[in-house]
Amino acid sequence: NLHINEDELNYSRFVTHLKFFSQRLINVESLNEVTDESLLDVLKQKYQQSDVCVDKISDFLQKHYQHEVSTDERVYLILHIARLLKSQCKR
């Protein structure tokens, strides 16, 4: 139920991330794990709505493509989705 402004920078960043994420998925690659799990835990607490969305994405990818979403990927997705949600609230 989001009405996203496609001219917005946060949207552009999110789409760019999804393009690279999709390429990694297709090429069976993943980001190098550099993120500490504690950062992910903090983001999950702070951006609970985004984390729920990332859980759904992760479950879908695991079920249909046997792809495990890495900690780094989860961090990036949570942040991008949180930015979209935040910009949505400003309207």
N, C-alpha and C. Protein backbone atom coordinates (compact mmCIF):
# COMPACT_ATOMS: atom_id res chain seq x y z
N ASN A 1 0.81 -1.20 0.00
CA ASN A 1 0.00 0.00 0.00
C ASN A 1 0.85 1.26 0.00
N LEU A 2 2.04 1.18 -0.50
CA LEU A 2 2.90 2.36 -0.59
C LEU A 2 2.67 3.09 -1.90
N HIS A 3 2.71 4.39 -1.82
CA HIS A 3 2.68 5.22 -3.02
C HIS A 3 4.05 5.85 -3.12
N ILE A 4 4.90 5.25 -3.92
CA ILE A 4 6.31 5.65 -3.98
C ILE A 4 6.51 6.64 -5.12
N ASN A 5 7.20 7.70 -4.80
CA ASN A 5 7.56 8.69 -5.81
C ASN A 5 8.80 8.18 -6.55
N GLU A 6 8.62 7.80 -7.79
CA GLU A 6 9.71 7.21 -8.57
C GLU A 6 10.78 8.22 -8.96
N ASP A 7 10.53 9.50 -8.73
CA ASP A 7 11.53 10.54 -9.01
C ASP A 7 12.44 10.78 -7.80
N GLU A 8 12.15 10.16 -6.71
CA GLU A 8 12.87 10.36 -5.46
C GLU A 8 14.20 9.61 -5.45
N LEU A 9 15.20 10.20 -4.82
CA LEU A 9 16.52 9.59 -4.74
C LEU A 9 16.49 8.24 -4.01
N ASN A 10 15.71 8.14 -2.94
CA ASN A 10 15.63 6.88 -2.20
C ASN A 10 15.10 5.75 -3.07
N TYR A 11 14.16 6.07 -3.93
CA TYR A 11 13.62 5.07 -4.85
C TYR A 11 14.71 4.63 -5.84
N SER A 12 15.42 5.58 -6.38
CA SER A 12 16.49 5.29 -7.33
C SER A 12 17.56 4.40 -6.70
N ARG A 13 17.94 4.71 -5.48
CA ARG A 13 18.93 3.89 -4.76
C ARG A 13 18.42 2.47 -4.55
N PHE A 14 17.16 2.36 -4.16
CA PHE A 14 16.56 1.05 -3.92
C PHE A 14 16.54 0.22 -5.20
N VAL A 15 16.12 0.81 -6.29
CA VAL A 15 16.06 0.09 -7.56
C VAL A 15 17.47 -0.33 -8.01
N THR A 16 18.44 0.55 -7.85
CA THR A 16 19.82 0.20 -8.19
C THR A 16 20.30 -0.98 -7.36
N HIS A 17 19.99 -0.95 -6.06
CA HIS A 17 20.38 -2.07 -5.20
C HIS A 17 19.70 -3.36 -5.66
N LEU A 18 18.42 -3.28 -6.01
CA LEU A 18 17.71 -4.48 -6.47
C LEU A 18 18.30 -5.04 -7.76
N LYS A 19 18.76 -4.16 -8.64
CA LYS A 19 19.38 -4.64 -9.88
C LYS A 19 20.64 -5.45 -9.57
N PHE A 20 21.49 -4.90 -8.71
CA PHE A 20 22.72 -5.63 -8.36
C PHE A 20 22.41 -6.88 -7.55
N PHE A 21 21.42 -6.79 -6.68
CA PHE A 21 21.00 -7.95 -5.89
C PHE A 21 20.52 -9.06 -6.82
N SER A 22 19.72 -8.69 -7.82
CA SER A 22 19.22 -9.67 -8.79
C SER A 22 20.35 -10.31 -9.59
N GLN A 23 21.32 -9.50 -9.98
CA GLN A 23 22.48 -10.04 -10.71
C GLN A 23 23.23 -11.05 -9.85
N ARG A 24 23.41 -10.72 -8.57
CA ARG A 24 24.10 -11.66 -7.68
C ARG A 24 23.29 -12.95 -7.53
N LEU A 25 21.99 -12.82 -7.45
CA LEU A 25 21.13 -13.99 -7.32
C LEU A 25 21.23 -14.87 -8.56
N ILE A 26 21.14 -14.27 -9.74
CA ILE A 26 21.21 -15.02 -11.00
C ILE A 26 22.58 -15.68 -11.16
N ASN A 27 23.63 -14.98 -10.77
CA ASN A 27 24.99 -15.51 -10.92
C ASN A 27 25.45 -16.35 -9.72
N VAL A 28 24.53 -16.62 -8.81
CA VAL A 28 24.80 -17.40 -7.60
C VAL A 28 26.04 -16.83 -6.88
N GLU A 29 26.00 -15.54 -6.66
CA GLU A 29 27.05 -14.84 -5.93
C GLU A 29 26.43 -14.24 -4.68
N SER A 30 27.29 -13.83 -3.78
CA SER A 30 26.79 -13.11 -2.61
C SER A 30 27.79 -12.03 -2.22
N LEU A 31 27.30 -11.12 -1.40
CA LEU A 31 28.19 -10.08 -0.90
C LEU A 31 29.18 -10.71 0.08
N ASN A 32 30.37 -10.15 0.14
CA ASN A 32 31.31 -10.60 1.16
C ASN A 32 30.78 -10.20 2.52
N GLU A 33 30.80 -11.14 3.43
CA GLU A 33 30.27 -10.87 4.76
C GLU A 33 31.24 -9.98 5.54
N VAL A 34 30.89 -8.72 5.64
CA VAL A 34 31.72 -7.79 6.41
C VAL A 34 30.95 -7.18 7.58
N THR A 35 29.64 -7.34 7.57
CA THR A 35 28.79 -6.74 8.58
C THR A 35 28.74 -7.61 9.83
N ASP A 36 28.90 -6.97 10.95
CA ASP A 36 28.78 -7.63 12.24
C ASP A 36 27.30 -7.93 12.50
N GLU A 37 27.01 -9.10 13.02
CA GLU A 37 25.62 -9.49 13.31
C GLU A 37 24.95 -8.50 14.25
N SER A 38 25.72 -7.85 15.11
CA SER A 38 25.12 -6.92 16.07
C SER A 38 24.51 -5.71 15.35
N LEU A 39 25.09 -5.31 14.22
CA LEU A 39 24.51 -4.22 13.43
C LEU A 39 23.15 -4.64 12.89
N LEU A 40 23.07 -5.84 12.38
CA LEU A 40 21.79 -6.34 11.88
C LEU A 40 20.76 -6.37 13.01
N ASP A 41 21.16 -6.80 14.18
CA ASP A 41 20.24 -6.84 15.33
C ASP A 41 19.70 -5.46 15.67
N VAL A 42 20.57 -4.45 15.64
CA VAL A 42 20.15 -3.08 15.92
C VAL A 42 19.16 -2.59 14.88
N LEU A 43 19.46 -2.86 13.61
CA LEU A 43 18.57 -2.44 12.53
C LEU A 43 17.22 -3.14 12.60
N LYS A 44 17.23 -4.42 12.95
CA LYS A 44 15.97 -5.16 13.09
C LYS A 44 15.08 -4.53 14.16
N GLN A 45 15.71 -4.09 15.24
CA GLN A 45 14.96 -3.45 16.34
C GLN A 45 14.44 -2.08 15.91
N LYS A 46 15.29 -1.31 15.28
CA LYS A 46 14.94 0.06 14.93
C LYS A 46 13.94 0.13 13.78
N TYR A 47 14.09 -0.76 12.81
CA TYR A 47 13.24 -0.75 11.61
C TYR A 47 12.47 -2.06 11.49
N GLN A 48 11.61 -2.29 12.44
CA GLN A 48 10.89 -3.57 12.51
C GLN A 48 10.01 -3.82 11.29
N GLN A 49 9.36 -2.79 10.81
CA GLN A 49 8.49 -2.96 9.63
C GLN A 49 9.32 -3.36 8.41
N SER A 50 10.48 -2.75 8.25
CA SER A 50 11.37 -3.10 7.14
C SER A 50 11.89 -4.52 7.29
N ASP A 51 12.21 -4.90 8.51
CA ASP A 51 12.71 -6.25 8.77
C ASP A 51 11.67 -7.30 8.42
N VAL A 52 10.42 -7.03 8.71
CA VAL A 52 9.34 -7.96 8.35
C VAL A 52 9.29 -8.13 6.83
N CYS A 53 9.44 -7.03 6.13
CA CYS A 53 9.44 -7.07 4.66
C CYS A 53 10.63 -7.90 4.15
N VAL A 54 11.80 -7.68 4.73
CA VAL A 54 12.99 -8.42 4.32
C VAL A 54 12.84 -9.90 4.65
N ASP A 55 12.19 -10.21 5.76
CA ASP A 55 11.92 -11.62 6.08
C ASP A 55 11.07 -12.27 4.99
N LYS A 56 10.08 -11.55 4.51
CA LYS A 56 9.21 -12.08 3.44
C LYS A 56 10.00 -12.29 2.15
N ILE A 57 10.85 -11.32 1.83
CA ILE A 57 11.71 -11.45 0.64
C ILE A 57 12.62 -12.66 0.80
N SER A 58 13.24 -12.77 1.94
CA SER A 58 14.17 -13.87 2.22
C SER A 58 13.47 -15.22 2.15
N ASP A 59 12.29 -15.31 2.75
CA ASP A 59 11.52 -16.57 2.71
C ASP A 59 11.16 -16.94 1.28
N PHE A 60 10.73 -15.97 0.49
CA PHE A 60 10.38 -16.21 -0.91
C PHE A 60 11.59 -16.74 -1.69
N LEU A 61 12.73 -16.07 -1.52
CA LEU A 61 13.94 -16.48 -2.26
C LEU A 61 14.42 -17.86 -1.82
N GLN A 62 14.29 -18.16 -0.54
CA GLN A 62 14.69 -19.48 -0.05
C GLN A 62 13.76 -20.56 -0.62
N LYS A 63 12.47 -20.29 -0.58
CA LYS A 63 11.48 -21.27 -1.02
C LYS A 63 11.56 -21.53 -2.53
N HIS A 64 11.67 -20.49 -3.32
CA HIS A 64 11.60 -20.63 -4.77
C HIS A 64 12.95 -20.78 -5.47
N TYR A 65 14.02 -20.28 -4.84
CA TYR A 65 15.33 -20.29 -5.51
C TYR A 65 16.45 -20.89 -4.66
N GLN A 66 16.10 -21.36 -3.46
CA GLN A 66 17.08 -21.93 -2.54
C GLN A 66 18.26 -20.96 -2.32
N HIS A 67 17.92 -19.69 -2.24
CA HIS A 67 18.93 -18.65 -2.03
C HIS A 67 18.82 -18.11 -0.61
N GLU A 68 19.91 -18.20 0.11
CA GLU A 68 19.98 -17.67 1.47
C GLU A 68 20.45 -16.22 1.40
N VAL A 69 19.66 -15.31 1.94
CA VAL A 69 20.03 -13.90 1.94
C VAL A 69 21.06 -13.66 3.04
N SER A 70 22.19 -13.10 2.65
CA SER A 70 23.29 -12.90 3.59
C SER A 70 22.98 -11.78 4.59
N THR A 71 23.75 -11.73 5.64
CA THR A 71 23.61 -10.67 6.64
C THR A 71 23.80 -9.30 5.99
N ASP A 72 24.83 -9.16 5.16
CA ASP A 72 25.08 -7.88 4.49
C ASP A 72 23.90 -7.48 3.62
N GLU A 73 23.36 -8.43 2.88
CA GLU A 73 22.24 -8.15 2.00
C GLU A 73 21.02 -7.73 2.82
N ARG A 74 20.79 -8.40 3.93
CA ARG A 74 19.67 -8.04 4.81
C ARG A 74 19.81 -6.61 5.32
N VAL A 75 21.04 -6.25 5.71
CA VAL A 75 21.30 -4.90 6.21
C VAL A 75 20.94 -3.87 5.15
N TYR A 76 21.45 -4.07 3.93
CA TYR A 76 21.18 -3.13 2.85
C TYR A 76 19.69 -3.04 2.53
N LEU A 77 19.03 -4.19 2.47
CA LEU A 77 17.60 -4.18 2.16
C LEU A 77 16.80 -3.47 3.25
N ILE A 78 17.11 -3.75 4.50
CA ILE A 78 16.40 -3.09 5.61
C ILE A 78 16.56 -1.58 5.50
N LEU A 79 17.79 -1.13 5.26
CA LEU A 79 18.03 0.32 5.17
C LEU A 79 17.30 0.96 3.99
N HIS A 80 17.35 0.32 2.83
CA HIS A 80 16.68 0.88 1.66
C HIS A 80 15.16 0.93 1.85
N ILE A 81 14.61 -0.12 2.39
CA ILE A 81 13.16 -0.17 2.61
C ILE A 81 12.76 0.84 3.68
N ALA A 82 13.57 0.97 4.72
CA ALA A 82 13.29 1.96 5.77
C ALA A 82 13.27 3.37 5.20
N ARG A 83 14.19 3.66 4.29
CA ARG A 83 14.23 4.99 3.66
C ARG A 83 12.95 5.23 2.84
N LEU A 84 12.51 4.21 2.12
CA LEU A 84 11.28 4.36 1.34
C LEU A 84 10.07 4.59 2.26
N LEU A 85 10.02 3.85 3.35
CA LEU A 85 8.92 4.01 4.30
C LEU A 85 8.96 5.39 4.95
N LYS A 86 10.16 5.84 5.28
CA LYS A 86 10.31 7.15 5.92
C LYS A 86 9.88 8.27 4.97
N SER A 87 10.28 8.18 3.71
CA SER A 87 9.90 9.21 2.75
C SER A 87 8.39 9.17 2.51
N GLN A 88 7.78 8.00 2.63
CA GLN A 88 6.35 7.85 2.48
C GLN A 88 5.63 8.58 3.62
N CYS A 89 6.17 8.50 4.82
CA CYS A 89 5.56 9.13 5.99
C CYS A 89 5.63 10.65 5.93
N LYS A 90 6.58 11.19 5.20
CA LYS A 90 6.74 12.64 5.12
C LYS A 90 5.66 13.30 4.28
N ARG A 91 4.91 12.52 3.57
CA ARG A 91 3.87 13.10 2.69
C ARG A 91 2.62 13.43 3.45
